[in-house]
Amino acid sequence: NGHAFDWSLLAGAGRDSPFMLSGGLTPE
């Protein structure tokens, strides 16, 4: 749908967790 969510909910979580991030991402 082209919408992002509040990425701060996942602040730094990717250092330990193998999730994939989606939602409103763009080259910018």
mmCIF file of all heavy atoms, coordinates in Angstrom:
data_MODEL
# 
_entry.id   MODEL 
# 
loop_
_atom_site.group_PDB 
_atom_site.id 
_atom_site.type_symbol 
_atom_site.label_atom_id 
_atom_site.label_alt_id 
_atom_site.label_comp_id 
_atom_site.label_asym_id 
_atom_site.label_entity_id 
_atom_site.label_seq_id 
_atom_site.pdbx_PDB_ins_code 
_atom_site.Cartn_x 
_atom_site.Cartn_y 
_atom_site.Cartn_z 
_atom_site.occupancy 
_atom_site.B_iso_or_equiv 
_atom_site.pdbx_formal_charge 
_atom_site.auth_seq_id 
_atom_site.auth_comp_id 
_atom_site.auth_asym_id 
_atom_site.auth_atom_id 
_atom_site.pdbx_PDB_model_num 
ATOM 1   N N   . ASN A 1 1  ? 0.802  -1.223  0.000  1.00 0.00 ? 1  ASN A N   1 
ATOM 2   C CA  . ASN A 1 1  ? 0.000  0.000   0.000  1.00 0.00 ? 1  ASN A CA  1 
ATOM 3   C C   . ASN A 1 1  ? 0.836  1.275   0.000  1.00 0.00 ? 1  ASN A C   1 
ATOM 4   O O   . ASN A 1 1  ? 0.292  2.377   -0.035 1.00 0.00 ? 1  ASN A O   1 
ATOM 5   C CB  . ASN A 1 1  ? -0.933 0.001   1.212  1.00 0.00 ? 1  ASN A CB  1 
ATOM 6   C CG  . ASN A 1 1  ? -1.975 -1.103  1.132  1.00 0.00 ? 1  ASN A CG  1 
ATOM 7   O OD1 . ASN A 1 1  ? -2.769 -1.136  0.202  1.00 0.00 ? 1  ASN A OD1 1 
ATOM 8   N ND2 . ASN A 1 1  ? -1.968 -2.010  2.104  1.00 0.00 ? 1  ASN A ND2 1 
ATOM 9   N N   . GLY A 1 2  ? 2.145  1.132   0.086  1.00 0.00 ? 2  GLY A N   1 
ATOM 10  C CA  . GLY A 1 2  ? 3.024  2.291   0.033  1.00 0.00 ? 2  GLY A CA  1 
ATOM 11  C C   . GLY A 1 2  ? 3.139  3.067   1.323  1.00 0.00 ? 2  GLY A C   1 
ATOM 12  O O   . GLY A 1 2  ? 3.619  4.204   1.324  1.00 0.00 ? 2  GLY A O   1 
ATOM 13  N N   . HIS A 1 3  ? 2.726  2.475   2.438  1.00 0.00 ? 3  HIS A N   1 
ATOM 14  C CA  . HIS A 1 3  ? 2.779  3.169   3.725  1.00 0.00 ? 3  HIS A CA  1 
ATOM 15  C C   . HIS A 1 3  ? 3.889  2.594   4.590  1.00 0.00 ? 3  HIS A C   1 
ATOM 16  O O   . HIS A 1 3  ? 4.091  1.375   4.630  1.00 0.00 ? 3  HIS A O   1 
ATOM 17  C CB  . HIS A 1 3  ? 1.452  3.040   4.463  1.00 0.00 ? 3  HIS A CB  1 
ATOM 18  C CG  . HIS A 1 3  ? 0.280  3.558   3.698  1.00 0.00 ? 3  HIS A CG  1 
ATOM 19  N ND1 . HIS A 1 3  ? 0.221  4.837   3.190  1.00 0.00 ? 3  HIS A ND1 1 
ATOM 20  C CD2 . HIS A 1 3  ? -0.879 2.957   3.316  1.00 0.00 ? 3  HIS A CD2 1 
ATOM 21  C CE1 . HIS A 1 3  ? -0.912 5.022   2.551  1.00 0.00 ? 3  HIS A CE1 1 
ATOM 22  N NE2 . HIS A 1 3  ? -1.603 3.893   2.600  1.00 0.00 ? 3  HIS A NE2 1 
ATOM 23  N N   . ALA A 1 4  ? 4.591  3.464   5.301  1.00 0.00 ? 4  ALA A N   1 
ATOM 24  C CA  . ALA A 1 4  ? 5.608  3.040   6.260  1.00 0.00 ? 4  ALA A CA  1 
ATOM 25  C C   . ALA A 1 4  ? 5.013  3.058   7.656  1.00 0.00 ? 4  ALA A C   1 
ATOM 26  O O   . ALA A 1 4  ? 3.992  3.695   7.907  1.00 0.00 ? 4  ALA A O   1 
ATOM 27  C CB  . ALA A 1 4  ? 6.817  3.973   6.185  1.00 0.00 ? 4  ALA A CB  1 
ATOM 28  N N   . PHE A 1 5  ? 5.656  2.341   8.580  1.00 0.00 ? 5  PHE A N   1 
ATOM 29  C CA  . PHE A 1 5  ? 5.274  2.434   9.983  1.00 0.00 ? 5  PHE A CA  1 
ATOM 30  C C   . PHE A 1 5  ? 6.411  3.086   10.755 1.00 0.00 ? 5  PHE A C   1 
ATOM 31  O O   . PHE A 1 5  ? 7.432  3.461   10.168 1.00 0.00 ? 5  PHE A O   1 
ATOM 32  C CB  . PHE A 1 5  ? 4.894  1.061   10.553 1.00 0.00 ? 5  PHE A CB  1 
ATOM 33  C CG  . PHE A 1 5  ? 6.023  0.045   10.563 1.00 0.00 ? 5  PHE A CG  1 
ATOM 34  C CD1 . PHE A 1 5  ? 6.822  -0.121  11.686 1.00 0.00 ? 5  PHE A CD1 1 
ATOM 35  C CD2 . PHE A 1 5  ? 6.257  -0.772  9.458  1.00 0.00 ? 5  PHE A CD2 1 
ATOM 36  C CE1 . PHE A 1 5  ? 7.845  -1.060  11.709 1.00 0.00 ? 5  PHE A CE1 1 
ATOM 37  C CE2 . PHE A 1 5  ? 7.271  -1.724  9.476  1.00 0.00 ? 5  PHE A CE2 1 
ATOM 38  C CZ  . PHE A 1 5  ? 8.070  -1.853  10.594 1.00 0.00 ? 5  PHE A CZ  1 
ATOM 39  N N   . ASP A 1 6  ? 6.223  3.242   12.028 1.00 0.00 ? 6  ASP A N   1 
ATOM 40  C CA  . ASP A 1 6  ? 7.222  3.906   12.872 1.00 0.00 ? 6  ASP A CA  1 
ATOM 41  C C   . ASP A 1 6  ? 8.414  2.976   13.071 1.00 0.00 ? 6  ASP A C   1 
ATOM 42  O O   . ASP A 1 6  ? 8.373  2.055   13.886 1.00 0.00 ? 6  ASP A O   1 
ATOM 43  C CB  . ASP A 1 6  ? 6.590  4.267   14.215 1.00 0.00 ? 6  ASP A CB  1 
ATOM 44  C CG  . ASP A 1 6  ? 7.546  5.002   15.139 1.00 0.00 ? 6  ASP A CG  1 
ATOM 45  O OD1 . ASP A 1 6  ? 8.713  5.247   14.745 1.00 0.00 ? 6  ASP A OD1 1 
ATOM 46  O OD2 . ASP A 1 6  ? 7.140  5.318   16.281 1.00 0.00 ? 6  ASP A OD2 1 
ATOM 47  N N   . TRP A 1 7  ? 9.493  3.219   12.313 1.00 0.00 ? 7  TRP A N   1 
ATOM 48  C CA  . TRP A 1 7  ? 10.652 2.337   12.380 1.00 0.00 ? 7  TRP A CA  1 
ATOM 49  C C   . TRP A 1 7  ? 11.314 2.335   13.754 1.00 0.00 ? 7  TRP A C   1 
ATOM 50  O O   . TRP A 1 7  ? 12.008 1.372   14.096 1.00 0.00 ? 7  TRP A O   1 
ATOM 51  C CB  . TRP A 1 7  ? 11.674 2.751   11.323 1.00 0.00 ? 7  TRP A CB  1 
ATOM 52  C CG  . TRP A 1 7  ? 11.165 2.636   9.928  1.00 0.00 ? 7  TRP A CG  1 
ATOM 53  C CD1 . TRP A 1 7  ? 10.343 1.670   9.414  1.00 0.00 ? 7  TRP A CD1 1 
ATOM 54  C CD2 . TRP A 1 7  ? 11.439 3.533   8.843  1.00 0.00 ? 7  TRP A CD2 1 
ATOM 55  N NE1 . TRP A 1 7  ? 10.086 1.905   8.092  1.00 0.00 ? 7  TRP A NE1 1 
ATOM 56  C CE2 . TRP A 1 7  ? 10.745 3.033   7.699  1.00 0.00 ? 7  TRP A CE2 1 
ATOM 57  C CE3 . TRP A 1 7  ? 12.198 4.695   8.717  1.00 0.00 ? 7  TRP A CE3 1 
ATOM 58  C CZ2 . TRP A 1 7  ? 10.801 3.669   6.459  1.00 0.00 ? 7  TRP A CZ2 1 
ATOM 59  C CZ3 . TRP A 1 7  ? 12.245 5.336   7.486  1.00 0.00 ? 7  TRP A CZ3 1 
ATOM 60  C CH2 . TRP A 1 7  ? 11.558 4.826   6.378  1.00 0.00 ? 7  TRP A CH2 1 
ATOM 61  N N   . SER A 1 8  ? 11.091 3.362   14.553 1.00 0.00 ? 8  SER A N   1 
ATOM 62  C CA  . SER A 1 8  ? 11.716 3.391   15.883 1.00 0.00 ? 8  SER A CA  1 
ATOM 63  C C   . SER A 1 8  ? 11.211 2.257   16.768 1.00 0.00 ? 8  SER A C   1 
ATOM 64  O O   . SER A 1 8  ? 11.863 1.911   17.757 1.00 0.00 ? 8  SER A O   1 
ATOM 65  C CB  . SER A 1 8  ? 11.475 4.736   16.566 1.00 0.00 ? 8  SER A CB  1 
ATOM 66  O OG  . SER A 1 8  ? 10.111 4.901   16.910 1.00 0.00 ? 8  SER A OG  1 
ATOM 67  N N   . LEU A 1 9  ? 10.075 1.653   16.412 1.00 0.00 ? 9  LEU A N   1 
ATOM 68  C CA  . LEU A 1 9  ? 9.597  0.496   17.165 1.00 0.00 ? 9  LEU A CA  1 
ATOM 69  C C   . LEU A 1 9  ? 10.577 -0.669  17.074 1.00 0.00 ? 9  LEU A C   1 
ATOM 70  O O   . LEU A 1 9  ? 10.589 -1.551  17.935 1.00 0.00 ? 9  LEU A O   1 
ATOM 71  C CB  . LEU A 1 9  ? 8.226  0.050   16.634 1.00 0.00 ? 9  LEU A CB  1 
ATOM 72  C CG  . LEU A 1 9  ? 7.065  1.010   16.846 1.00 0.00 ? 9  LEU A CG  1 
ATOM 73  C CD1 . LEU A 1 9  ? 5.848  0.553   16.047 1.00 0.00 ? 9  LEU A CD1 1 
ATOM 74  C CD2 . LEU A 1 9  ? 6.725  1.113   18.326 1.00 0.00 ? 9  LEU A CD2 1 
ATOM 75  N N   . LEU A 1 10 ? 11.387 -0.655  16.031 1.00 0.00 ? 10 LEU A N   1 
ATOM 76  C CA  . LEU A 1 10 ? 12.374 -1.722  15.812 1.00 0.00 ? 10 LEU A CA  1 
ATOM 77  C C   . LEU A 1 10 ? 13.801 -1.196  15.965 1.00 0.00 ? 10 LEU A C   1 
ATOM 78  O O   . LEU A 1 10 ? 14.728 -1.782  15.427 1.00 0.00 ? 10 LEU A O   1 
ATOM 79  C CB  . LEU A 1 10 ? 12.205 -2.301  14.403 1.00 0.00 ? 10 LEU A CB  1 
ATOM 80  C CG  . LEU A 1 10 ? 10.948 -3.116  14.151 1.00 0.00 ? 10 LEU A CG  1 
ATOM 81  C CD1 . LEU A 1 10 ? 10.783 -3.381  12.656 1.00 0.00 ? 10 LEU A CD1 1 
ATOM 82  C CD2 . LEU A 1 10 ? 10.997 -4.426  14.906 1.00 0.00 ? 10 LEU A CD2 1 
ATOM 83  N N   . ALA A 1 11 ? 13.974 -0.139  16.707 1.00 0.00 ? 11 ALA A N   1 
ATOM 84  C CA  . ALA A 1 11 ? 15.287 0.511   16.808 1.00 0.00 ? 11 ALA A CA  1 
ATOM 85  C C   . ALA A 1 11 ? 16.376 -0.488  17.174 1.00 0.00 ? 11 ALA A C   1 
ATOM 86  O O   . ALA A 1 11 ? 16.364 -1.088  18.251 1.00 0.00 ? 11 ALA A O   1 
ATOM 87  C CB  . ALA A 1 11 ? 15.235 1.630   17.841 1.00 0.00 ? 11 ALA A CB  1 
ATOM 88  N N   . GLY A 1 12 ? 17.327 -0.685  16.245 1.00 0.00 ? 12 GLY A N   1 
ATOM 89  C CA  . GLY A 1 12 ? 18.478 -1.546  16.481 1.00 0.00 ? 12 GLY A CA  1 
ATOM 90  C C   . GLY A 1 12 ? 18.195 -3.023  16.526 1.00 0.00 ? 12 GLY A C   1 
ATOM 91  O O   . GLY A 1 12 ? 19.122 -3.825  16.685 1.00 0.00 ? 12 GLY A O   1 
ATOM 92  N N   . ALA A 1 13 ? 16.939 -3.438  16.368 1.00 0.00 ? 13 ALA A N   1 
ATOM 93  C CA  . ALA A 1 13 ? 16.582 -4.844  16.560 1.00 0.00 ? 13 ALA A CA  1 
ATOM 94  C C   . ALA A 1 13 ? 17.237 -5.765  15.547 1.00 0.00 ? 13 ALA A C   1 
ATOM 95  O O   . ALA A 1 13 ? 17.471 -6.944  15.824 1.00 0.00 ? 13 ALA A O   1 
ATOM 96  C CB  . ALA A 1 13 ? 15.065 -5.009  16.505 1.00 0.00 ? 13 ALA A CB  1 
ATOM 97  N N   . GLY A 1 14 ? 17.556 -5.245  14.367 1.00 0.00 ? 14 GLY A N   1 
ATOM 98  C CA  . GLY A 1 14 ? 18.129 -6.083  13.335 1.00 0.00 ? 14 GLY A CA  1 
ATOM 99  C C   . GLY A 1 14 ? 19.515 -6.612  13.642 1.00 0.00 ? 14 GLY A C   1 
ATOM 100 O O   . GLY A 1 14 ? 19.980 -7.542  12.976 1.00 0.00 ? 14 GLY A O   1 
ATOM 101 N N   . ARG A 1 15 ? 20.183 -6.060  14.640 1.00 0.00 ? 15 ARG A N   1 
ATOM 102 C CA  . ARG A 1 15 ? 21.511 -6.567  14.989 1.00 0.00 ? 15 ARG A CA  1 
ATOM 103 C C   . ARG A 1 15 ? 21.434 -7.988  15.525 1.00 0.00 ? 15 ARG A C   1 
ATOM 104 O O   . ARG A 1 15 ? 22.405 -8.744  15.457 1.00 0.00 ? 15 ARG A O   1 
ATOM 105 C CB  . ARG A 1 15 ? 22.170 -5.648  16.016 1.00 0.00 ? 15 ARG A CB  1 
ATOM 106 C CG  . ARG A 1 15 ? 22.454 -4.246  15.492 1.00 0.00 ? 15 ARG A CG  1 
ATOM 107 C CD  . ARG A 1 15 ? 23.255 -3.421  16.483 1.00 0.00 ? 15 ARG A CD  1 
ATOM 108 N NE  . ARG A 1 15 ? 23.432 -2.070  15.985 1.00 0.00 ? 15 ARG A NE  1 
ATOM 109 C CZ  . ARG A 1 15 ? 22.636 -1.053  16.280 1.00 0.00 ? 15 ARG A CZ  1 
ATOM 110 N NH1 . ARG A 1 15 ? 21.598 -1.244  17.090 1.00 0.00 ? 15 ARG A NH1 1 
ATOM 111 N NH2 . ARG A 1 15 ? 22.848 0.144   15.785 1.00 0.00 ? 15 ARG A NH2 1 
ATOM 112 N N   . ASP A 1 16 ? 20.319 -8.358  16.115 1.00 0.00 ? 16 ASP A N   1 
ATOM 113 C CA  . ASP A 1 16 ? 20.182 -9.674  16.718 1.00 0.00 ? 16 ASP A CA  1 
ATOM 114 C C   . ASP A 1 16 ? 19.090 -10.527 16.104 1.00 0.00 ? 16 ASP A C   1 
ATOM 115 O O   . ASP A 1 16 ? 18.974 -11.707 16.439 1.00 0.00 ? 16 ASP A O   1 
ATOM 116 C CB  . ASP A 1 16 ? 19.872 -9.526  18.220 1.00 0.00 ? 16 ASP A CB  1 
ATOM 117 C CG  . ASP A 1 16 ? 20.948 -8.763  18.956 1.00 0.00 ? 16 ASP A CG  1 
ATOM 118 O OD1 . ASP A 1 16 ? 22.120 -9.150  18.848 1.00 0.00 ? 16 ASP A OD1 1 
ATOM 119 O OD2 . ASP A 1 16 ? 20.607 -7.761  19.620 1.00 0.00 ? 16 ASP A OD2 1 
ATOM 120 N N   . SER A 1 17 ? 18.277 -9.953  15.223 1.00 0.00 ? 17 SER A N   1 
ATOM 121 C CA  . SER A 1 17 ? 17.084 -10.655 14.759 1.00 0.00 ? 17 SER A CA  1 
ATOM 122 C C   . SER A 1 17 ? 17.008 -10.646 13.238 1.00 0.00 ? 17 SER A C   1 
ATOM 123 O O   . SER A 1 17 ? 17.179 -9.602  12.619 1.00 0.00 ? 17 SER A O   1 
ATOM 124 C CB  . SER A 1 17 ? 15.833 -9.980  15.331 1.00 0.00 ? 17 SER A CB  1 
ATOM 125 O OG  . SER A 1 17 ? 15.949 -9.835  16.734 1.00 0.00 ? 17 SER A OG  1 
ATOM 126 N N   . PRO A 1 18 ? 16.718 -11.789 12.624 1.00 0.00 ? 18 PRO A N   1 
ATOM 127 C CA  . PRO A 1 18 ? 16.724 -11.901 11.169 1.00 0.00 ? 18 PRO A CA  1 
ATOM 128 C C   . PRO A 1 18 ? 15.393 -11.566 10.513 1.00 0.00 ? 18 PRO A C   1 
ATOM 129 O O   . PRO A 1 18 ? 14.915 -12.298 9.668  1.00 0.00 ? 18 PRO A O   1 
ATOM 130 C CB  . PRO A 1 18 ? 17.076 -13.371 10.962 1.00 0.00 ? 18 PRO A CB  1 
ATOM 131 C CG  . PRO A 1 18 ? 16.428 -14.050 12.124 1.00 0.00 ? 18 PRO A CG  1 
ATOM 132 C CD  . PRO A 1 18 ? 16.577 -13.100 13.286 1.00 0.00 ? 18 PRO A CD  1 
ATOM 133 N N   . PHE A 1 19 ? 14.785 -10.455 10.890 1.00 0.00 ? 19 PHE A N   1 
ATOM 134 C CA  . PHE A 1 19 ? 13.529 -10.092 10.249 1.00 0.00 ? 19 PHE A CA  1 
ATOM 135 C C   . PHE A 1 19 ? 13.797 -9.376  8.927  1.00 0.00 ? 19 PHE A C   1 
ATOM 136 O O   . PHE A 1 19 ? 14.898 -8.900  8.655  1.00 0.00 ? 19 PHE A O   1 
ATOM 137 C CB  . PHE A 1 19 ? 12.669 -9.204  11.164 1.00 0.00 ? 19 PHE A CB  1 
ATOM 138 C CG  . PHE A 1 19 ? 13.291 -7.879  11.506 1.00 0.00 ? 19 PHE A CG  1 
ATOM 139 C CD1 . PHE A 1 19 ? 13.151 -6.790  10.653 1.00 0.00 ? 19 PHE A CD1 1 
ATOM 140 C CD2 . PHE A 1 19 ? 14.018 -7.711  12.674 1.00 0.00 ? 19 PHE A CD2 1 
ATOM 141 C CE1 . PHE A 1 19 ? 13.720 -5.560  10.962 1.00 0.00 ? 19 PHE A CE1 1 
ATOM 142 C CE2 . PHE A 1 19 ? 14.588 -6.483  12.990 1.00 0.00 ? 19 PHE A CE2 1 
ATOM 143 C CZ  . PHE A 1 19 ? 14.440 -5.408  12.137 1.00 0.00 ? 19 PHE A CZ  1 
ATOM 144 N N   . MET A 1 20 ? 12.757 -9.299  8.112  1.00 0.00 ? 20 MET A N   1 
ATOM 145 C CA  . MET A 1 20 ? 12.808 -8.520  6.879  1.00 0.00 ? 20 MET A CA  1 
ATOM 146 C C   . MET A 1 20 ? 11.916 -7.305  7.056  1.00 0.00 ? 20 MET A C   1 
ATOM 147 O O   . MET A 1 20 ? 10.807 -7.420  7.577  1.00 0.00 ? 20 MET A O   1 
ATOM 148 C CB  . MET A 1 20 ? 12.349 -9.363  5.679  1.00 0.00 ? 20 MET A CB  1 
ATOM 149 C CG  . MET A 1 20 ? 12.379 -8.624  4.358  1.00 0.00 ? 20 MET A CG  1 
ATOM 150 S SD  . MET A 1 20 ? 12.140 -9.730  2.922  1.00 0.00 ? 20 MET A SD  1 
ATOM 151 C CE  . MET A 1 20 ? 13.810 -10.353 2.717  1.00 0.00 ? 20 MET A CE  1 
ATOM 152 N N   . LEU A 1 21 ? 12.388 -6.148  6.637  1.00 0.00 ? 21 LEU A N   1 
ATOM 153 C CA  . LEU A 1 21 ? 11.655 -4.900  6.804  1.00 0.00 ? 21 LEU A CA  1 
ATOM 154 C C   . LEU A 1 21 ? 10.968 -4.527  5.507  1.00 0.00 ? 21 LEU A C   1 
ATOM 155 O O   . LEU A 1 21 ? 11.571 -4.546  4.434  1.00 0.00 ? 21 LEU A O   1 
ATOM 156 C CB  . LEU A 1 21 ? 12.611 -3.784  7.220  1.00 0.00 ? 21 LEU A CB  1 
ATOM 157 C CG  . LEU A 1 21 ? 11.979 -2.413  7.514  1.00 0.00 ? 21 LEU A CG  1 
ATOM 158 C CD1 . LEU A 1 21 ? 11.063 -2.497  8.725  1.00 0.00 ? 21 LEU A CD1 1 
ATOM 159 C CD2 . LEU A 1 21 ? 13.064 -1.367  7.728  1.00 0.00 ? 21 LEU A CD2 1 
ATOM 160 N N   . SER A 1 22 ? 9.689  -4.157  5.622  1.00 0.00 ? 22 SER A N   1 
ATOM 161 C CA  . SER A 1 22 ? 8.909  -3.756  4.463  1.00 0.00 ? 22 SER A CA  1 
ATOM 162 C C   . SER A 1 22 ? 7.998  -2.607  4.865  1.00 0.00 ? 22 SER A C   1 
ATOM 163 O O   . SER A 1 22 ? 8.024  -2.143  5.996  1.00 0.00 ? 22 SER A O   1 
ATOM 164 C CB  . SER A 1 22 ? 8.088  -4.952  3.947  1.00 0.00 ? 22 SER A CB  1 
ATOM 165 O OG  . SER A 1 22 ? 7.455  -4.647  2.723  1.00 0.00 ? 22 SER A OG  1 
ATOM 166 N N   . GLY A 1 23 ? 7.212  -2.145  3.900  1.00 0.00 ? 23 GLY A N   1 
ATOM 167 C CA  . GLY A 1 23 ? 6.228  -1.106  4.206  1.00 0.00 ? 23 GLY A CA  1 
ATOM 168 C C   . GLY A 1 23 ? 6.692  0.287   3.826  1.00 0.00 ? 23 GLY A C   1 
ATOM 169 O O   . GLY A 1 23 ? 7.381  0.955   4.595  1.00 0.00 ? 23 GLY A O   1 
ATOM 170 N N   . GLY A 1 24 ? 6.336  0.738   2.638  1.00 0.00 ? 24 GLY A N   1 
ATOM 171 C CA  . GLY A 1 24 ? 6.620  2.108   2.240  1.00 0.00 ? 24 GLY A CA  1 
ATOM 172 C C   . GLY A 1 24 ? 8.070  2.428   1.970  1.00 0.00 ? 24 GLY A C   1 
ATOM 173 O O   . GLY A 1 24 ? 8.439  3.608   1.893  1.00 0.00 ? 24 GLY A O   1 
ATOM 174 N N   . LEU A 1 25 ? 8.920  1.423   1.809  1.00 0.00 ? 25 LEU A N   1 
ATOM 175 C CA  . LEU A 1 25 ? 10.328 1.689   1.510  1.00 0.00 ? 25 LEU A CA  1 
ATOM 176 C C   . LEU A 1 25 ? 10.471 2.163   0.073  1.00 0.00 ? 25 LEU A C   1 
ATOM 177 O O   . LEU A 1 25 ? 9.757  1.707   -0.822 1.00 0.00 ? 25 LEU A O   1 
ATOM 178 C CB  . LEU A 1 25 ? 11.161 0.428   1.726  1.00 0.00 ? 25 LEU A CB  1 
ATOM 179 C CG  . LEU A 1 25 ? 11.203 -0.120  3.154  1.00 0.00 ? 25 LEU A CG  1 
ATOM 180 C CD1 . LEU A 1 25 ? 12.004 -1.430  3.187  1.00 0.00 ? 25 LEU A CD1 1 
ATOM 181 C CD2 . LEU A 1 25 ? 11.792 0.893   4.121  1.00 0.00 ? 25 LEU A CD2 1 
ATOM 182 N N   . THR A 1 26 ? 11.416 3.060   -0.140 1.00 0.00 ? 26 THR A N   1 
ATOM 183 C CA  . THR A 1 26 ? 11.716 3.595   -1.466 1.00 0.00 ? 26 THR A CA  1 
ATOM 184 C C   . THR A 1 26 ? 13.226 3.765   -1.593 1.00 0.00 ? 26 THR A C   1 
ATOM 185 O O   . THR A 1 26 ? 13.954 3.684   -0.595 1.00 0.00 ? 26 THR A O   1 
ATOM 186 C CB  . THR A 1 26 ? 11.059 4.974   -1.682 1.00 0.00 ? 26 THR A CB  1 
ATOM 187 O OG1 . THR A 1 26 ? 11.719 5.936   -0.841 1.00 0.00 ? 26 THR A OG1 1 
ATOM 188 C CG2 . THR A 1 26 ? 9.562  4.950   -1.358 1.00 0.00 ? 26 THR A CG2 1 
ATOM 189 N N   . PRO A 1 27 ? 13.725 4.039   -2.798 1.00 0.00 ? 27 PRO A N   1 
ATOM 190 C CA  . PRO A 1 27 ? 15.154 4.331   -2.917 1.00 0.00 ? 27 PRO A CA  1 
ATOM 191 C C   . PRO A 1 27 ? 15.577 5.523   -2.065 1.00 0.00 ? 27 PRO A C   1 
ATOM 192 O O   . PRO A 1 27 ? 16.725 5.592   -1.610 1.00 0.00 ? 27 PRO A O   1 
ATOM 193 C CB  . PRO A 1 27 ? 15.326 4.638   -4.409 1.00 0.00 ? 27 PRO A CB  1 
ATOM 194 C CG  . PRO A 1 27 ? 14.213 3.915   -5.076 1.00 0.00 ? 27 PRO A CG  1 
ATOM 195 C CD  . PRO A 1 27 ? 13.066 3.995   -4.121 1.00 0.00 ? 27 PRO A CD  1 
ATOM 196 N N   . GLU A 1 28 ? 14.633 6.441   -1.813 1.00 0.00 ? 28 GLU A N   1 
ATOM 197 C CA  . GLU A 1 28 ? 14.953 7.648   -1.048 1.00 0.00 ? 28 GLU A CA  1 
ATOM 198 C C   . GLU A 1 28 ? 14.916 7.430   0.463  1.00 0.00 ? 28 GLU A C   1 
ATOM 199 O O   . GLU A 1 28 ? 15.526 8.202   1.210  1.00 0.00 ? 28 GLU A O   1 
ATOM 200 C CB  . GLU A 1 28 ? 13.960 8.756   -1.418 1.00 0.00 ? 28 GLU A CB  1 
ATOM 201 C CG  . GLU A 1 28 ? 14.038 9.232   -2.864 1.00 0.00 ? 28 GLU A CG  1 
ATOM 202 C CD  . GLU A 1 28 ? 13.351 8.303   -3.860 1.00 0.00 ? 28 GLU A CD  1 
ATOM 203 O OE1 . GLU A 1 28 ? 12.477 7.501   -3.448 1.00 0.00 ? 28 GLU A OE1 1 
ATOM 204 O OE2 . GLU A 1 28 ? 13.702 8.374   -5.058 1.00 0.00 ? 28 GLU A OE2 1 
# 
